[in-house]
Amino acid sequence: MSSVNVCFNKVKKDCLKFIQSQETATEKFKDKEKMIKSFLIPLSFWISSKADNKKPYFVGLAGGQGSGS
């Protein structure tokens, strides 16, 4: 957990700035710091542990799909 806090302190400013840029006037993200600490940083550590420097590692992320109407 301490490594998450250390990482969070390093990336906090940039991550919050990026997350806020993705918000719209009607849709705001709630508890941005919790999202960074509980999801984004652990996901980054997981990807880093799975990546092999000799072979490329591809990760695809997709949002929800719908009709949009």
N, C-alpha and C. Protein backbone atom coordinates (compact mmCIF):
# COMPACT_ATOMS: atom_id res chain seq x y z
N MET A 1 0.81 -1.19 0.00
CA MET A 1 0.00 0.00 0.00
C MET A 1 0.86 1.25 0.00
N SER A 2 2.03 1.17 0.63
CA SER A 2 2.90 2.35 0.66
C SER A 2 3.40 2.70 -0.73
N SER A 3 3.60 1.69 -1.58
CA SER A 3 4.05 1.98 -2.94
C SER A 3 2.97 2.71 -3.73
N VAL A 4 1.69 2.40 -3.44
CA VAL A 4 0.59 3.11 -4.09
C VAL A 4 0.58 4.57 -3.65
N ASN A 5 0.80 4.81 -2.37
CA ASN A 5 0.82 6.19 -1.87
C ASN A 5 1.99 6.98 -2.43
N VAL A 6 3.14 6.35 -2.54
CA VAL A 6 4.32 7.02 -3.10
C VAL A 6 4.05 7.36 -4.57
N CYS A 7 3.52 6.40 -5.30
CA CYS A 7 3.20 6.63 -6.71
C CYS A 7 2.13 7.71 -6.84
N PHE A 8 1.11 7.67 -5.98
CA PHE A 8 0.04 8.65 -6.03
C PHE A 8 0.58 10.06 -5.84
N ASN A 9 1.48 10.22 -4.90
CA ASN A 9 2.05 11.55 -4.65
C ASN A 9 2.83 12.07 -5.85
N LYS A 10 3.41 11.17 -6.63
CA LYS A 10 4.17 11.58 -7.81
C LYS A 10 3.27 11.95 -8.98
N VAL A 11 2.15 11.25 -9.15
CA VAL A 11 1.31 11.44 -10.33
C VAL A 11 0.02 12.21 -10.07
N LYS A 12 -0.22 12.59 -8.85
CA LYS A 12 -1.49 13.20 -8.45
C LYS A 12 -1.87 14.40 -9.34
N LYS A 13 -0.98 15.32 -9.49
CA LYS A 13 -1.28 16.56 -10.22
C LYS A 13 -1.64 16.26 -11.68
N ASP A 14 -0.82 15.47 -12.35
CA ASP A 14 -1.07 15.16 -13.76
C ASP A 14 -2.33 14.32 -13.95
N CYS A 15 -2.54 13.33 -13.08
CA CYS A 15 -3.73 12.48 -13.21
C CYS A 15 -5.01 13.27 -12.98
N LEU A 16 -5.03 14.09 -11.95
CA LEU A 16 -6.23 14.88 -11.69
C LEU A 16 -6.52 15.84 -12.83
N LYS A 17 -5.49 16.42 -13.39
CA LYS A 17 -5.66 17.33 -14.52
C LYS A 17 -6.24 16.58 -15.72
N PHE A 18 -5.74 15.38 -16.00
CA PHE A 18 -6.25 14.59 -17.12
C PHE A 18 -7.69 14.16 -16.88
N ILE A 19 -7.98 13.66 -15.68
CA ILE A 19 -9.34 13.20 -15.37
C ILE A 19 -10.33 14.35 -15.49
N GLN A 20 -9.96 15.52 -15.01
CA GLN A 20 -10.85 16.67 -15.12
C GLN A 20 -11.06 17.07 -16.57
N SER A 21 -10.08 16.86 -17.41
CA SER A 21 -10.24 17.20 -18.83
C SER A 21 -11.22 16.25 -19.53
N GLN A 22 -11.44 15.07 -18.95
CA GLN A 22 -12.35 14.10 -19.54
C GLN A 22 -13.79 14.27 -19.07
N GLU A 23 -14.01 15.12 -18.08
CA GLU A 23 -15.35 15.35 -17.56
C GLU A 23 -16.13 16.28 -18.49
N THR A 24 -17.44 16.14 -18.44
CA THR A 24 -18.31 17.06 -19.16
C THR A 24 -19.06 17.90 -18.12
N ALA A 25 -19.80 18.89 -18.59
CA ALA A 25 -20.54 19.75 -17.67
C ALA A 25 -21.61 18.97 -16.90
N THR A 26 -22.17 17.94 -17.52
CA THR A 26 -23.23 17.16 -16.87
C THR A 26 -22.73 15.90 -16.18
N GLU A 27 -21.57 15.39 -16.59
CA GLU A 27 -21.05 14.15 -16.01
C GLU A 27 -19.69 14.40 -15.36
N LYS A 28 -19.68 14.41 -14.05
CA LYS A 28 -18.45 14.61 -13.29
C LYS A 28 -18.05 13.30 -12.61
N PHE A 29 -16.76 13.03 -12.54
CA PHE A 29 -16.28 11.86 -11.82
C PHE A 29 -16.30 12.16 -10.33
N LYS A 30 -16.74 11.18 -9.56
CA LYS A 30 -16.78 11.34 -8.11
C LYS A 30 -15.55 10.69 -7.50
N ASP A 31 -15.01 11.29 -6.48
CA ASP A 31 -13.87 10.77 -5.71
C ASP A 31 -12.71 10.35 -6.62
N LYS A 32 -12.15 11.33 -7.28
CA LYS A 32 -11.06 11.09 -8.24
C LYS A 32 -9.84 10.47 -7.59
N GLU A 33 -9.52 10.91 -6.37
CA GLU A 33 -8.33 10.38 -5.69
C GLU A 33 -8.51 8.89 -5.39
N LYS A 34 -9.70 8.49 -4.98
CA LYS A 34 -9.96 7.07 -4.71
C LYS A 34 -9.85 6.26 -5.99
N MET A 35 -10.33 6.81 -7.11
CA MET A 35 -10.25 6.11 -8.39
C MET A 35 -8.79 5.89 -8.78
N ILE A 36 -7.96 6.88 -8.57
CA ILE A 36 -6.55 6.76 -8.91
C ILE A 36 -5.88 5.71 -8.02
N LYS A 37 -6.13 5.79 -6.70
CA LYS A 37 -5.47 4.89 -5.76
C LYS A 37 -5.98 3.45 -5.84
N SER A 38 -7.27 3.27 -6.06
CA SER A 38 -7.82 1.91 -6.00
C SER A 38 -7.90 1.22 -7.35
N PHE A 39 -7.79 1.97 -8.46
CA PHE A 39 -7.92 1.33 -9.76
C PHE A 39 -6.74 1.61 -10.69
N LEU A 40 -6.45 2.87 -10.94
CA LEU A 40 -5.46 3.21 -11.96
C LEU A 40 -4.04 2.80 -11.59
N ILE A 41 -3.63 3.09 -10.37
CA ILE A 41 -2.26 2.74 -9.96
C ILE A 41 -2.10 1.22 -9.85
N PRO A 42 -3.02 0.48 -9.19
CA PRO A 42 -2.87 -0.99 -9.19
C PRO A 42 -2.88 -1.59 -10.59
N LEU A 43 -3.70 -1.05 -11.49
CA LEU A 43 -3.72 -1.54 -12.87
C LEU A 43 -2.37 -1.30 -13.53
N SER A 44 -1.78 -0.15 -13.28
CA SER A 44 -0.46 0.15 -13.85
C SER A 44 0.61 -0.80 -13.32
N PHE A 45 0.57 -1.09 -12.02
CA PHE A 45 1.52 -2.03 -11.44
C PHE A 45 1.31 -3.43 -12.03
N TRP A 46 0.06 -3.84 -12.23
CA TRP A 46 -0.23 -5.15 -12.80
C TRP A 46 0.30 -5.26 -14.23
N ILE A 47 0.05 -4.23 -15.04
CA ILE A 47 0.55 -4.24 -16.41
C ILE A 47 2.07 -4.30 -16.42
N SER A 48 2.69 -3.53 -15.53
CA SER A 48 4.15 -3.52 -15.44
C SER A 48 4.69 -4.90 -15.06
N SER A 49 4.00 -5.60 -14.17
CA SER A 49 4.48 -6.92 -13.75
C SER A 49 4.29 -7.97 -14.85
N LYS A 50 3.29 -7.79 -15.70
CA LYS A 50 3.02 -8.74 -16.77
C LYS A 50 3.88 -8.50 -18.00
N ALA A 51 4.33 -7.29 -18.17
CA ALA A 51 5.09 -6.94 -19.38
C ALA A 51 6.47 -7.59 -19.34
N ASP A 52 6.85 -8.15 -20.46
CA ASP A 52 8.18 -8.72 -20.64
C ASP A 52 8.93 -7.78 -21.58
N ASN A 53 10.10 -7.37 -21.19
CA ASN A 53 10.84 -6.40 -21.99
C ASN A 53 11.23 -6.95 -23.38
N LYS A 54 11.19 -8.26 -23.54
CA LYS A 54 11.59 -8.85 -24.82
C LYS A 54 10.44 -8.90 -25.82
N LYS A 55 9.21 -8.94 -25.33
CA LYS A 55 8.05 -9.05 -26.21
C LYS A 55 7.08 -7.90 -25.92
N PRO A 56 6.40 -7.40 -26.95
CA PRO A 56 5.40 -6.36 -26.69
C PRO A 56 4.20 -6.93 -25.93
N TYR A 57 3.57 -6.09 -25.13
CA TYR A 57 2.40 -6.49 -24.36
C TYR A 57 1.29 -5.51 -24.68
N PHE A 58 0.20 -6.00 -25.26
CA PHE A 58 -0.90 -5.14 -25.68
C PHE A 58 -2.05 -5.25 -24.70
N VAL A 59 -2.59 -4.10 -24.34
CA VAL A 59 -3.75 -4.05 -23.46
C VAL A 59 -4.81 -3.21 -24.17
N GLY A 60 -6.01 -3.74 -24.26
CA GLY A 60 -7.11 -3.00 -24.88
C GLY A 60 -8.16 -2.67 -23.84
N LEU A 61 -8.54 -1.42 -23.78
CA LEU A 61 -9.60 -0.99 -22.85
C LEU A 61 -10.72 -0.40 -23.69
N ALA A 62 -11.94 -0.72 -23.34
CA ALA A 62 -13.08 -0.21 -24.08
C ALA A 62 -14.17 0.21 -23.11
N GLY A 63 -14.90 1.22 -23.48
CA GLY A 63 -16.02 1.67 -22.67
C GLY A 63 -17.26 0.87 -22.99
N GLY A 64 -18.35 1.23 -22.35
CA GLY A 64 -19.61 0.55 -22.61
C GLY A 64 -20.11 0.82 -24.01
N GLN A 65 -20.76 -0.16 -24.58
CA GLN A 65 -21.29 -0.04 -25.94
C GLN A 65 -22.79 0.10 -25.85
N GLY A 66 -23.33 0.96 -26.70
CA GLY A 66 -24.78 1.14 -26.70
C GLY A 66 -25.22 1.80 -27.98
N SER A 67 -26.51 1.99 -28.09
CA SER A 67 -27.05 2.56 -29.33
C SER A 67 -26.80 4.07 -29.41
N GLY A 68 -26.64 4.72 -28.29
CA GLY A 68 -26.36 6.15 -28.28
C GLY A 68 -27.57 7.02 -28.54
N SER A 69 -28.75 6.43 -28.54
CA SER A 69 -29.94 7.24 -28.78
C SER A 69 -30.70 7.57 -27.54
